[in-house]
Amino acid sequence: LNPLNWDCGGVPTTTTDVIIPISVSTGNYPII
C-alpha cells in the first residue's frame, strides 16, 4: 500500500497490471 514502491507512482488498482521482477535491487517484495 505504499505508492513509492510502484513504478506507476501509485498503489495498484483494479486497472493496474502488476509485474514483480525477477530481481529487485532493494530485496523488497510486496507484502499484504
All heavy atoms as atom14 arrays in JSON, in Angstrom:
{
  "sequence": "LNPLNWDCGGVPTTTTDVIIPISVSTGNYPII",
  "atom14_mask": [
    [1, 1, 1, 1, 1, 1, 1, 1, 0, 0, 0, 0, 0, 0],
    [1, 1, 1, 1, 1, 1, 1, 1, 0, 0, 0, 0, 0, 0],
    [1, 1, 1, 1, 1, 1, 1, 0, 0, 0, 0, 0, 0, 0],
    [1, 1, 1, 1, 1, 1, 1, 1, 0, 0, 0, 0, 0, 0],
    [1, 1, 1, 1, 1, 1, 1, 1, 0, 0, 0, 0, 0, 0],
    [1, 1, 1, 1, 1, 1, 1, 1, 1, 1, 1, 1, 1, 1],
    [1, 1, 1, 1, 1, 1, 1, 1, 0, 0, 0, 0, 0, 0],
    [1, 1, 1, 1, 1, 1, 0, 0, 0, 0, 0, 0, 0, 0],
    [1, 1, 1, 1, 0, 0, 0, 0, 0, 0, 0, 0, 0, 0],
    [1, 1, 1, 1, 0, 0, 0, 0, 0, 0, 0, 0, 0, 0],
    [1, 1, 1, 1, 1, 1, 1, 0, 0, 0, 0, 0, 0, 0],
    [1, 1, 1, 1, 1, 1, 1, 0, 0, 0, 0, 0, 0, 0],
    [1, 1, 1, 1, 1, 1, 1, 0, 0, 0, 0, 0, 0, 0],
    [1, 1, 1, 1, 1, 1, 1, 0, 0, 0, 0, 0, 0, 0],
    [1, 1, 1, 1, 1, 1, 1, 0, 0, 0, 0, 0, 0, 0],
    [1, 1, 1, 1, 1, 1, 1, 0, 0, 0, 0, 0, 0, 0],
    [1, 1, 1, 1, 1, 1, 1, 1, 0, 0, 0, 0, 0, 0],
    [1, 1, 1, 1, 1, 1, 1, 0, 0, 0, 0, 0, 0, 0],
    [1, 1, 1, 1, 1, 1, 1, 1, 0, 0, 0, 0, 0, 0],
    [1, 1, 1, 1, 1, 1, 1, 1, 0, 0, 0, 0, 0, 0],
    [1, 1, 1, 1, 1, 1, 1, 0, 0, 0, 0, 0, 0, 0],
    [1, 1, 1, 1, 1, 1, 1, 1, 0, 0, 0, 0, 0, 0],
    [1, 1, 1, 1, 1, 1, 0, 0, 0, 0, 0, 0, 0, 0],
    [1, 1, 1, 1, 1, 1, 1, 0, 0, 0, 0, 0, 0, 0],
    [1, 1, 1, 1, 1, 1, 0, 0, 0, 0, 0, 0, 0, 0],
    [1, 1, 1, 1, 1, 1, 1, 0, 0, 0, 0, 0, 0, 0],
    [1, 1, 1, 1, 0, 0, 0, 0, 0, 0, 0, 0, 0, 0],
    [1, 1, 1, 1, 1, 1, 1, 1, 0, 0, 0, 0, 0, 0],
    [1, 1, 1, 1, 1, 1, 1, 1, 1, 1, 1, 1, 0, 0],
    [1, 1, 1, 1, 1, 1, 1, 0, 0, 0, 0, 0, 0, 0],
    [1, 1, 1, 1, 1, 1, 1, 1, 0, 0, 0, 0, 0, 0],
    [1, 1, 1, 1, 1, 1, 1, 1, 0, 0, 0, 0, 0, 0]
  ],
  "atom14_positions": [
    [[0.8, -1.23, 0.0], [0.0, 0.0, 0.0], [0.83, 1.29, 0.0], [0.28, 2.38, 0.11], [-0.95, -0.01, 1.21], [-1.96, -1.17, 1.21], [-2.85, -1.1, 2.45], [-2.8, -1.18, -0.05], [0.0, 0.0, 0.0], [0.0, 0.0, 0.0], [0.0, 0.0, 0.0], [0.0, 0.0, 0.0], [0.0, 0.0, 0.0], [0.0, 0.0, 0.0]],
    [[2.15, 1.19, -0.16], [2.99, 2.37, -0.22], [3.19, 2.75, -1.68], [3.81, 2.02, -2.45], [4.35, 2.1, 0.44], [5.24, 3.32, 0.47], [5.05, 4.28, -0.26], [6.24, 3.27, 1.33], [0.0, 0.0, 0.0], [0.0, 0.0, 0.0], [0.0, 0.0, 0.0], [0.0, 0.0, 0.0], [0.0, 0.0, 0.0], [0.0, 0.0, 0.0]],
    [[2.69, 3.92, -2.12], [2.8, 4.31, -3.53], [4.24, 4.44, -4.01], [4.51, 4.3, -5.21], [2.07, 5.64, -3.6], [1.85, 6.1, -2.22], [1.98, 4.91, -1.31], [0.0, 0.0, 0.0], [0.0, 0.0, 0.0], [0.0, 0.0, 0.0], [0.0, 0.0, 0.0], [0.0, 0.0, 0.0], [0.0, 0.0, 0.0], [0.0, 0.0, 0.0]],
    [[5.19, 4.69, -3.11], [6.59, 4.82, -3.51], [7.2, 3.49, -3.94], [8.29, 3.46, -4.52], [7.42, 5.43, -2.38], [7.03, 6.85, -1.97], [7.86, 7.3, -0.77], [7.19, 7.81, -3.13], [0.0, 0.0, 0.0], [0.0, 0.0, 0.0], [0.0, 0.0, 0.0], [0.0, 0.0, 0.0], [0.0, 0.0, 0.0], [0.0, 0.0, 0.0]],
    [[6.51, 2.4, -3.69], [7.0, 1.07, -4.08], [6.66, 0.69, -5.51], [7.06, -0.37, -5.97], [6.45, 0.0, -3.12], [7.06, 0.1, -1.76], [8.19, 0.53, -1.6], [6.33, -0.3, -0.74], [0.0, 0.0, 0.0], [0.0, 0.0, 0.0], [0.0, 0.0, 0.0], [0.0, 0.0, 0.0], [0.0, 0.0, 0.0], [0.0, 0.0, 0.0]],
    [[5.94, 1.53, -6.21], [5.43, 1.17, -7.54], [5.94, 2.15, -8.6], [5.94, 3.36, -8.41], [3.91, 1.15, -7.52], [3.41, 0.17, -6.5], [2.94, 0.45, -5.24], [3.38, -1.25, -6.63], [2.62, -0.71, -4.59], [2.88, -1.77, -5.41], [3.73, -2.13, -7.64], [2.72, -3.14, -5.2], [3.57, -3.49, -7.43], [3.07, -3.98, -6.23]],
    [[6.35, 1.6, -9.75], [6.84, 2.43, -10.86], [5.8, 3.42, -11.36], [6.15, 4.48, -11.86], [7.3, 1.56, -12.03], [8.62, 0.86, -11.77], [9.37, 1.3, -10.87], [8.9, -0.13, -12.45], [0.0, 0.0, 0.0], [0.0, 0.0, 0.0], [0.0, 0.0, 0.0], [0.0, 0.0, 0.0], [0.0, 0.0, 0.0], [0.0, 0.0, 0.0]],
    [[4.53, 3.06, -11.23], [3.47, 3.94, -11.73], [3.22, 5.12, -10.79], [2.43, 6.01, -11.11], [2.18, 3.15, -11.94], [1.51, 2.41, -10.43], [0.0, 0.0, 0.0], [0.0, 0.0, 0.0], [0.0, 0.0, 0.0], [0.0, 0.0, 0.0], [0.0, 0.0, 0.0], [0.0, 0.0, 0.0], [0.0, 0.0, 0.0], [0.0, 0.0, 0.0]],
    [[3.87, 5.14, -9.61], [3.75, 6.25, -8.69], [2.52, 6.2, -7.8], [2.24, 7.15, -7.07], [0.0, 0.0, 0.0], [0.0, 0.0, 0.0], [0.0, 0.0, 0.0], [0.0, 0.0, 0.0], [0.0, 0.0, 0.0], [0.0, 0.0, 0.0], [0.0, 0.0, 0.0], [0.0, 0.0, 0.0], [0.0, 0.0, 0.0], [0.0, 0.0, 0.0]],
    [[1.77, 5.11, -7.88], [0.59, 4.97, -7.04], [0.34, 3.52, -6.7], [0.9, 2.62, -7.34], [0.0, 0.0, 0.0], [0.0, 0.0, 0.0], [0.0, 0.0, 0.0], [0.0, 0.0, 0.0], [0.0, 0.0, 0.0], [0.0, 0.0, 0.0], [0.0, 0.0, 0.0], [0.0, 0.0, 0.0], [0.0, 0.0, 0.0], [0.0, 0.0, 0.0]],
    [[-0.47, 3.3, -5.7], [-0.84, 1.95, -5.3], [-1.66, 1.31, -6.42], [-2.55, 1.96, -6.98], [-1.64, 1.99, -3.98], [-2.14, 0.61, -3.59], [-0.79, 2.59, -2.87], [0.0, 0.0, 0.0], [0.0, 0.0, 0.0], [0.0, 0.0, 0.0], [0.0, 0.0, 0.0], [0.0, 0.0, 0.0], [0.0, 0.0, 0.0], [0.0, 0.0, 0.0]],
    [[-1.37, 0.07, -6.78], [-2.14, -0.59, -7.85], [-3.64, -0.61, -7.55], [-4.06, -0.72, -6.4], [-1.58, -2.02, -7.86], [-0.22, -1.9, -7.3], [-0.31, -0.81, -6.27], [0.0, 0.0, 0.0], [0.0, 0.0, 0.0], [0.0, 0.0, 0.0], [0.0, 0.0, 0.0], [0.0, 0.0, 0.0], [0.0, 0.0, 0.0], [0.0, 0.0, 0.0]],
    [[-4.41, -0.49, -8.63], [-5.86, -0.55, -8.55], [-6.35, -1.65, -9.48], [-5.55, -2.34, -10.11], [-6.5, 0.79, -8.97], [-6.26, 0.98, -10.38], [-5.94, 1.96, -8.19], [0.0, 0.0, 0.0], [0.0, 0.0, 0.0], [0.0, 0.0, 0.0], [0.0, 0.0, 0.0], [0.0, 0.0, 0.0], [0.0, 0.0, 0.0], [0.0, 0.0, 0.0]],
    [[-7.64, -1.77, -9.61], [-8.22, -2.81, -10.47], [-7.97, -2.56, -11.95], [-8.33, -3.39, -12.78], [-9.74, -2.95, -10.21], [-10.35, -1.68, -10.43], [-10.01, -3.43, -8.79], [0.0, 0.0, 0.0], [0.0, 0.0, 0.0], [0.0, 0.0, 0.0], [0.0, 0.0, 0.0], [0.0, 0.0, 0.0], [0.0, 0.0, 0.0], [0.0, 0.0, 0.0]],
    [[-7.32, -1.46, -12.29], [-6.95, -1.19, -13.69], [-5.45, -1.3, -13.93], [-4.97, -0.98, -15.01], [-7.45, 0.2, -14.13], [-6.83, 1.19, -13.31], [-8.96, 0.3, -14.03], [0.0, 0.0, 0.0], [0.0, 0.0, 0.0], [0.0, 0.0, 0.0], [0.0, 0.0, 0.0], [0.0, 0.0, 0.0], [0.0, 0.0, 0.0], [0.0, 0.0, 0.0]],
    [[-4.7, -1.75, -12.91], [-3.24, -1.82, -12.98], [-2.76, -3.24, -13.25], [-3.2, -4.18, -12.59], [-2.62, -1.35, -11.64], [-3.16, -0.08, -11.27], [-1.11, -1.25, -11.75], [0.0, 0.0, 0.0], [0.0, 0.0, 0.0], [0.0, 0.0, 0.0], [0.0, 0.0, 0.0], [0.0, 0.0, 0.0], [0.0, 0.0, 0.0], [0.0, 0.0, 0.0]],
    [[-1.87, -3.38, -14.23], [-1.19, -4.65, -14.47], [0.11, -4.64, -13.66], [0.98, -3.81, -13.9], [-0.87, -4.83, -15.95], [-2.13, -4.94, -16.79], [-3.03, -5.7, -16.42], [-2.21, -4.25, -17.83], [0.0, 0.0, 0.0], [0.0, 0.0, 0.0], [0.0, 0.0, 0.0], [0.0, 0.0, 0.0], [0.0, 0.0, 0.0], [0.0, 0.0, 0.0]],
    [[0.22, -5.52, -12.68], [1.38, -5.56, -11.78], [2.38, -6.6, -12.28], [2.01, -7.72, -12.6], [0.92, -5.9, -10.35], [2.11, -6.18, -9.44], [0.07, -4.78, -9.77], [0.0, 0.0, 0.0], [0.0, 0.0, 0.0], [0.0, 0.0, 0.0], [0.0, 0.0, 0.0], [0.0, 0.0, 0.0], [0.0, 0.0, 0.0], [0.0, 0.0, 0.0]],
    [[3.65, -6.2, -12.32], [4.73, -7.12, -12.66], [5.75, -7.07, -11.53], [6.26, -6.01, -11.19], [5.41, -6.73, -13.99], [4.39, -6.79, -15.14], [6.61, -7.64, -14.26], [4.91, -6.25, -16.45], [0.0, 0.0, 0.0], [0.0, 0.0, 0.0], [0.0, 0.0, 0.0], [0.0, 0.0, 0.0], [0.0, 0.0, 0.0], [0.0, 0.0, 0.0]],
    [[6.02, -8.24, -10.95], [7.05, -8.36, -9.92], [8.28, -8.92, -10.61], [8.27, -10.05, -11.1], [6.59, -9.3, -8.77], [5.21, -8.88, -8.22], [7.65, -9.36, -7.68], [5.15, -7.5, -7.62], [0.0, 0.0, 0.0], [0.0, 0.0, 0.0], [0.0, 0.0, 0.0], [0.0, 0.0, 0.0], [0.0, 0.0, 0.0], [0.0, 0.0, 0.0]],
    [[9.38, -8.14, -10.69], [10.55, -8.57, -11.46], [11.31, -9.71, -10.78], [11.12, -9.99, -9.6], [11.41, -7.31, -11.52], [11.02, -6.54, -10.32], [9.56, -6.83, -10.08], [0.0, 0.0, 0.0], [0.0, 0.0, 0.0], [0.0, 0.0, 0.0], [0.0, 0.0, 0.0], [0.0, 0.0, 0.0], [0.0, 0.0, 0.0], [0.0, 0.0, 0.0]],
    [[12.18, -10.36, -11.55], [12.99, -11.46, -11.02], [13.87, -10.98, -9.88], [14.0, -11.63, -8.87], [13.84, -12.1, -12.13], [12.94, -12.9, -13.05], [14.92, -12.99, -11.55], [13.63, -13.51, -14.24], [0.0, 0.0, 0.0], [0.0, 0.0, 0.0], [0.0, 0.0, 0.0], [0.0, 0.0, 0.0], [0.0, 0.0, 0.0], [0.0, 0.0, 0.0]],
    [[14.48, -9.85, -10.03], [15.38, -9.35, -9.0], [15.09, -7.88, -8.75], [15.09, -7.07, -9.65], [16.82, -9.51, -9.46], [17.69, -8.96, -8.5], [0.0, 0.0, 0.0], [0.0, 0.0, 0.0], [0.0, 0.0, 0.0], [0.0, 0.0, 0.0], [0.0, 0.0, 0.0], [0.0, 0.0, 0.0], [0.0, 0.0, 0.0], [0.0, 0.0, 0.0]],
    [[14.82, -7.57, -7.51], [14.65, -6.17, -7.11], [15.92, -5.77, -6.37], [16.34, -6.46, -5.44], [13.41, -6.03, -6.2], [13.3, -4.63, -5.67], [12.15, -6.41, -6.95], [0.0, 0.0, 0.0], [0.0, 0.0, 0.0], [0.0, 0.0, 0.0], [0.0, 0.0, 0.0], [0.0, 0.0, 0.0], [0.0, 0.0, 0.0], [0.0, 0.0, 0.0]],
    [[16.5, -4.67, -6.77], [17.8, -4.28, -6.2], [17.74, -4.07, -4.69], [18.72, -4.29, -3.99], [18.31, -3.01, -6.88], [17.42, -1.95, -6.69], [0.0, 0.0, 0.0], [0.0, 0.0, 0.0], [0.0, 0.0, 0.0], [0.0, 0.0, 0.0], [0.0, 0.0, 0.0], [0.0, 0.0, 0.0], [0.0, 0.0, 0.0], [0.0, 0.0, 0.0]],
    [[16.59, -3.68, -4.16], [16.47, -3.46, -2.72], [16.22, -4.75, -1.97], [16.36, -4.79, -0.75], [15.3, -2.51, -2.42], [14.09, -3.12, -2.89], [15.49, -1.16, -3.06], [0.0, 0.0, 0.0], [0.0, 0.0, 0.0], [0.0, 0.0, 0.0], [0.0, 0.0, 0.0], [0.0, 0.0, 0.0], [0.0, 0.0, 0.0], [0.0, 0.0, 0.0]],
    [[15.8, -5.8, -2.67], [15.46, -7.05, -1.99], [14.08, -7.03, -1.37], [13.67, -7.98, -0.7], [0.0, 0.0, 0.0], [0.0, 0.0, 0.0], [0.0, 0.0, 0.0], [0.0, 0.0, 0.0], [0.0, 0.0, 0.0], [0.0, 0.0, 0.0], [0.0, 0.0, 0.0], [0.0, 0.0, 0.0], [0.0, 0.0, 0.0], [0.0, 0.0, 0.0]],
    [[13.33, -5.94, -1.57], [11.99, -5.83, -1.02], [10.96, -6.36, -2.01], [10.98, -6.0, -3.18], [11.64, -4.36, -0.72], [12.46, -3.78, 0.4], [12.91, -4.49, 1.28], [12.64, -2.48, 0.37], [0.0, 0.0, 0.0], [0.0, 0.0, 0.0], [0.0, 0.0, 0.0], [0.0, 0.0, 0.0], [0.0, 0.0, 0.0], [0.0, 0.0, 0.0]],
    [[10.09, -7.22, -1.53], [8.98, -7.72, -2.33], [7.69, -7.4, -1.6], [7.67, -7.31, -0.36], [9.11, -9.21, -2.58], [10.29, -9.52, -3.48], [11.5, -9.92, -2.98], [10.16, -9.36, -4.86], [12.58, -10.17, -3.81], [11.23, -9.6, -5.7], [12.43, -10.01, -5.18], [13.49, -10.24, -6.01], [0.0, 0.0, 0.0], [0.0, 0.0, 0.0]],
    [[6.58, -7.21, -2.32], [5.35, -6.75, -1.69], [4.78, -7.73, -0.66], [4.77, -8.94, -0.88], [4.37, -6.6, -2.84], [5.13, -6.76, -4.09], [6.43, -7.37, -3.76], [0.0, 0.0, 0.0], [0.0, 0.0, 0.0], [0.0, 0.0, 0.0], [0.0, 0.0, 0.0], [0.0, 0.0, 0.0], [0.0, 0.0, 0.0], [0.0, 0.0, 0.0]],
    [[4.31, -7.15, 0.44], [3.62, -7.9, 1.48], [2.28, -7.22, 1.72], [2.21, -6.0, 1.86], [4.43, -7.93, 2.78], [5.76, -8.66, 2.58], [3.63, -8.6, 3.9], [6.67, -8.63, 3.79], [0.0, 0.0, 0.0], [0.0, 0.0, 0.0], [0.0, 0.0, 0.0], [0.0, 0.0, 0.0], [0.0, 0.0, 0.0], [0.0, 0.0, 0.0]],
    [[1.22, -8.03, 1.76], [-0.1, -7.53, 2.14], [-0.35, -8.05, 3.55], [-0.42, -9.26, 3.77], [-1.18, -8.01, 1.16], [-0.86, -7.48, -0.25], [-2.56, -7.56, 1.63], [-1.75, -8.01, -1.35], [0.0, 0.0, 0.0], [0.0, 0.0, 0.0], [0.0, 0.0, 0.0], [0.0, 0.0, 0.0], [0.0, 0.0, 0.0], [0.0, 0.0, 0.0]]
  ]
}
